[in-house]
Amino acid sequence: MRTFKKDFLKLYHNERGILILMAFNLLLSTTLFIFAIIKLNPNASVVKVGYGDIGGYRDGSWMDMFAFPLLAIIFGVFHNLLAVKIFHKRGGGMTKFFLLTTTMLIMGSFLVMIRLLGEG
């Protein structure tokens, strides 16, 4: 815990770009979480939960859509904590790459969820 605090303070003082990326990821994941919770439809018995090139859209229960809020929590909280750990082990370049990859994953989750909601 002590090294985590020191690493975070080092990020704050020396690497403002990484800190901005972490805040942006937290903002995007919070938006994904709110959007996913609002769009959950427990009254629907069947919703579109996946897409495959061969079989088309797959039907499932609305409970399967809980994967999106769970992803939002993982991307927002755990990936930011992991970014501080990566900064300690690998440095700023790898941390920026990791955070940019996380940003693309969040945007991809938005895209998949919007497409599934559009077909449902």
Protein backbone atom coordinates (compact mmCIF):
# COMPACT_ATOMS: atom_id res chain seq x y z
CA MET A 1 0.00 0.00 0.00
CA ARG A 2 2.85 2.35 0.78
CA THR A 3 4.46 1.85 -2.64
CA PHE A 4 1.10 2.35 -4.32
CA LYS A 5 0.72 5.72 -2.61
CA LYS A 6 4.28 6.73 -3.54
CA ASP A 7 3.74 5.66 -7.16
CA PHE A 8 0.48 7.59 -7.36
CA LEU A 9 2.12 10.73 -5.95
CA LYS A 10 4.97 10.31 -8.45
CA LEU A 11 2.37 10.08 -11.21
CA TYR A 12 0.69 13.22 -9.91
CA HIS A 13 3.90 15.24 -9.80
CA ASN A 14 5.73 13.96 -12.90
CA GLU A 15 3.29 12.34 -15.34
CA ARG A 16 0.22 14.52 -15.74
CA GLY A 17 -0.62 12.92 -19.11
CA ILE A 18 -1.04 9.50 -17.52
CA LEU A 19 -3.17 10.99 -14.77
CA ILE A 20 -5.39 12.67 -17.36
CA LEU A 21 -5.76 9.35 -19.21
CA MET A 22 -6.71 7.66 -15.95
CA ALA A 23 -9.35 10.30 -15.27
CA PHE A 24 -10.66 9.98 -18.84
CA ASN A 25 -10.93 6.20 -18.47
CA LEU A 26 -12.78 6.63 -15.18
CA LEU A 27 -15.18 9.12 -16.81
CA LEU A 28 -15.82 6.86 -19.82
CA SER A 29 -16.35 3.79 -17.67
CA THR A 30 -18.73 5.69 -15.39
CA THR A 31 -20.70 6.74 -18.45
CA LEU A 32 -20.75 3.13 -19.68
CA PHE A 33 -21.92 1.95 -16.24
CA ILE A 34 -24.77 4.48 -16.08
CA PHE A 35 -25.80 3.81 -19.68
CA ALA A 36 -25.75 0.04 -19.12
CA ILE A 37 -27.79 0.24 -15.91
CA ILE A 38 -30.37 2.54 -17.50
CA LYS A 39 -30.75 0.31 -20.55
CA LEU A 40 -31.26 -2.91 -18.57
CA ASN A 41 -34.81 -4.04 -19.24
CA PRO A 42 -35.92 -6.58 -16.63
CA ASN A 43 -39.44 -6.70 -18.13
CA ALA A 44 -38.15 -8.20 -21.37
CA SER A 45 -38.13 -11.97 -21.43
CA VAL A 46 -35.76 -12.20 -24.40
CA VAL A 47 -33.08 -9.73 -25.48
CA LYS A 48 -30.25 -9.82 -28.01
CA VAL A 49 -27.12 -10.71 -26.07
CA GLY A 50 -24.54 -11.50 -28.73
CA TYR A 51 -23.66 -11.57 -32.39
CA GLY A 52 -21.89 -14.21 -34.40
CA ASP A 53 -20.99 -14.07 -38.08
CA ILE A 54 -22.47 -17.49 -38.77
CA GLY A 55 -25.54 -17.56 -36.57
CA GLY A 56 -26.47 -13.89 -36.48
CA TYR A 57 -27.84 -12.40 -33.27
CA ARG A 58 -28.28 -14.65 -30.23
CA ASP A 59 -31.20 -14.34 -27.88
CA GLY A 60 -30.83 -14.58 -24.13
CA SER A 61 -32.05 -13.30 -20.80
CA TRP A 62 -31.77 -9.68 -19.71
CA MET A 63 -29.51 -10.95 -16.91
CA ASP A 64 -26.83 -11.58 -19.55
CA MET A 65 -26.62 -7.84 -20.10
CA PHE A 66 -25.11 -7.43 -16.60
CA ALA A 67 -21.79 -8.08 -18.30
CA PHE A 68 -21.68 -4.45 -19.45
CA PRO A 69 -21.92 -2.82 -15.99
CA LEU A 70 -19.40 -5.37 -14.75
CA LEU A 71 -17.03 -4.42 -17.58
CA ALA A 72 -17.48 -0.76 -16.70
CA ILE A 73 -16.42 -1.41 -13.10
CA ILE A 74 -13.43 -3.48 -14.21
CA PHE A 75 -12.32 -0.87 -16.76
CA GLY A 76 -12.86 2.10 -14.46
CA VAL A 77 -11.52 0.93 -11.13
CA PHE A 78 -9.30 -2.09 -11.58
CA HIS A 79 -7.59 -0.92 -14.76
CA ASN A 80 -6.66 2.38 -13.14
CA LEU A 81 -5.19 0.54 -10.16
CA LEU A 82 -3.39 -1.77 -12.55
CA ALA A 83 -2.06 1.25 -14.47
CA VAL A 84 -0.34 2.52 -11.31
CA LYS A 85 1.20 -0.93 -10.83
CA ILE A 86 2.36 -0.99 -14.48
CA PHE A 87 3.85 2.49 -14.03
CA HIS A 88 5.88 1.20 -11.09
CA LYS A 89 7.13 -1.87 -12.98
CA ARG A 90 7.44 -0.72 -16.62
CA GLY A 91 7.38 3.07 -16.75
CA GLY A 92 5.31 5.73 -18.43
CA GLY A 93 5.29 4.48 -22.02
CA MET A 94 3.79 1.11 -21.25
CA THR A 95 1.27 2.72 -18.89
CA LYS A 96 0.08 5.10 -21.62
CA PHE A 97 -0.26 2.19 -24.03
CA PHE A 98 -2.27 0.22 -21.46
CA LEU A 99 -4.59 3.16 -20.75
CA LEU A 100 -5.14 3.88 -24.44
CA THR A 101 -5.97 0.20 -24.99
CA THR A 102 -8.44 0.36 -22.11
CA THR A 103 -10.03 3.43 -23.69
CA MET A 104 -10.49 1.53 -26.96
CA LEU A 105 -12.03 -1.41 -25.05
CA ILE A 106 -14.53 0.91 -23.35
CA MET A 107 -15.49 2.49 -26.67
CA GLY A 108 -15.83 -0.99 -28.20
CA SER A 109 -18.13 -2.00 -25.34
CA PHE A 110 -20.29 1.05 -26.06
CA LEU A 111 -20.45 0.10 -29.73
CA VAL A 112 -21.41 -3.53 -29.03
CA MET A 113 -24.05 -2.54 -26.50
CA ILE A 114 -25.62 0.06 -28.81
CA ARG A 115 -25.75 -2.47 -31.66
CA LEU A 116 -27.35 -5.11 -29.46
CA LEU A 117 -29.91 -2.62 -28.15
CA GLY A 118 -30.70 -1.54 -31.70
CA GLU A 119 -31.54 -5.10 -32.72
CA GLY A 120 -33.56 -5.90 -29.60
